[in-house]
Amino acid sequence: MRDPRNWLRPAIAVVGGAAAGAGLLLLGRHQRRRSRSRSRALLERAERAASDVASGARKIFEQH
């Protein structure tokens, strides 16, 4: 490693590894963000469905 001509391959490996690591971090962040938004949407749908069922039951019981 004393000869600067031998520094190119390790330098390329370090830069490539850093770029790959940064890419994995960004992909993980994006994946977590998407899963949270999907979870919220699913929860909102479930709440809406439960509300619709409750209001339908109220209508049935009020008629009788």
C-alpha atoms as a PDB file:
ATOM      1  CA  MET A   1       0.000   0.000   0.000  1.00  0.00           C
ATOM      2  CA  ARG A   2       3.001   2.303   0.047  1.00  0.00           C
ATOM      3  CA  ASP A   3       2.822   2.737  -3.694  1.00  0.00           C
ATOM      4  CA  PRO A   4       0.025   5.221  -4.648  1.00  0.00           C
ATOM      5  CA  ARG A   5      -0.653   3.239  -7.815  1.00  0.00           C
ATOM      6  CA  ASN A   6      -2.141   0.504  -5.602  1.00  0.00           C
ATOM      7  CA  TRP A   7      -4.636   2.858  -3.936  1.00  0.00           C
ATOM      8  CA  LEU A   8      -7.135   2.900  -6.800  1.00  0.00           C
ATOM      9  CA  ARG A   9      -8.830  -0.473  -6.230  1.00  0.00           C
ATOM     10  CA  PRO A  10      -9.314  -0.055  -2.462  1.00  0.00           C
ATOM     11  CA  ALA A  11     -10.563   3.506  -2.999  1.00  0.00           C
ATOM     12  CA  ILE A  12     -13.091   2.302  -5.583  1.00  0.00           C
ATOM     13  CA  ALA A  13     -14.177  -0.465  -3.210  1.00  0.00           C
ATOM     14  CA  VAL A  14     -14.698   2.010  -0.360  1.00  0.00           C
ATOM     15  CA  VAL A  15     -16.686   4.418  -2.550  1.00  0.00           C
ATOM     16  CA  GLY A  16     -18.764   1.582  -3.994  1.00  0.00           C
ATOM     17  CA  GLY A  17     -19.472   0.153  -0.545  1.00  0.00           C
ATOM     18  CA  ALA A  18     -20.482   3.556   0.789  1.00  0.00           C
ATOM     19  CA  ALA A  19     -22.806   4.121  -2.177  1.00  0.00           C
ATOM     20  CA  ALA A  20     -24.378   0.683  -1.723  1.00  0.00           C
ATOM     21  CA  GLY A  21     -24.867   1.298   2.002  1.00  0.00           C
ATOM     22  CA  ALA A  22     -26.458   4.687   1.365  1.00  0.00           C
ATOM     23  CA  GLY A  23     -28.760   3.122  -1.213  1.00  0.00           C
ATOM     24  CA  LEU A  24     -29.855   0.442   1.246  1.00  0.00           C
ATOM     25  CA  LEU A  25     -30.565   3.066   3.897  1.00  0.00           C
ATOM     26  CA  LEU A  26     -32.680   5.080   1.469  1.00  0.00           C
ATOM     27  CA  LEU A  27     -34.593   2.007   0.317  1.00  0.00           C
ATOM     28  CA  GLY A  28     -35.261   0.969   3.912  1.00  0.00           C
ATOM     29  CA  ARG A  29     -36.507   4.448   4.761  1.00  0.00           C
ATOM     30  CA  HIS A  30     -38.791   4.469   1.728  1.00  0.00           C
ATOM     31  CA  GLN A  31     -40.121   0.994   2.578  1.00  0.00           C
ATOM     32  CA  ARG A  32     -40.932   2.011   6.163  1.00  0.00           C
ATOM     33  CA  ARG A  33     -42.675   5.168   4.967  1.00  0.00           C
ATOM     34  CA  ARG A  34     -44.811   3.177   2.512  1.00  0.00           C
ATOM     35  CA  SER A  35     -45.748   0.547   5.080  1.00  0.00           C
ATOM     36  CA  ARG A  36     -46.825   3.239   7.566  1.00  0.00           C
ATOM     37  CA  SER A  37     -49.049   4.923   5.009  1.00  0.00           C
ATOM     38  CA  ARG A  38     -50.570   1.554   4.076  1.00  0.00           C
ATOM     39  CA  SER A  39     -51.175   0.798   7.742  1.00  0.00           C
ATOM     40  CA  ARG A  40     -52.887   4.148   8.233  1.00  0.00           C
ATOM     41  CA  ALA A  41     -55.088   3.631   5.183  1.00  0.00           C
ATOM     42  CA  LEU A  42     -56.041   0.142   6.366  1.00  0.00           C
ATOM     43  CA  LEU A  43     -56.863   1.455   9.837  1.00  0.00           C
ATOM     44  CA  GLU A  44     -58.990   4.252   8.374  1.00  0.00           C
ATOM     45  CA  ARG A  45     -60.911   1.745   6.230  1.00  0.00           C
ATOM     46  CA  ALA A  46     -61.494  -0.512   9.237  1.00  0.00           C
ATOM     47  CA  GLU A  47     -62.742   2.432  11.301  1.00  0.00           C
ATOM     48  CA  ARG A  48     -65.064   3.505   8.492  1.00  0.00           C
ATOM     49  CA  ALA A  49     -66.408  -0.045   8.124  1.00  0.00           C
ATOM     50  CA  ALA A  50     -66.991  -0.339  11.875  1.00  0.00           C
ATOM     51  CA  SER A  51     -68.776   3.006  11.868  1.00  0.00           C
ATOM     52  CA  ASP A  52     -70.979   1.926   8.961  1.00  0.00           C
ATOM     53  CA  VAL A  53     -71.878  -1.338  10.712  1.00  0.00           C
ATOM     54  CA  ALA A  54     -72.692   0.526  13.935  1.00  0.00           C
ATOM     55  CA  SER A  55     -74.887   3.065  12.156  1.00  0.00           C
ATOM     56  CA  GLY A  56     -76.673   0.259  10.283  1.00  0.00           C
ATOM     57  CA  ALA A  57     -77.301  -1.578  13.537  1.00  0.00           C
ATOM     58  CA  ARG A  58     -78.650   1.602  15.137  1.00  0.00           C
ATOM     59  CA  LYS A  59     -81.091   2.046  12.244  1.00  0.00           C
ATOM     60  CA  ILE A  60     -82.310  -1.533  12.574  1.00  0.00           C
ATOM     61  CA  PHE A  61     -82.808  -1.259  16.348  1.00  0.00           C
ATOM     62  CA  GLU A  62     -84.539   2.132  16.043  1.00  0.00           C
ATOM     63  CA  GLN A  63     -87.097   0.689  13.619  1.00  0.00           C
ATOM     64  CA  HIS A  64     -88.103  -2.064  16.045  1.00  0.00           C
END
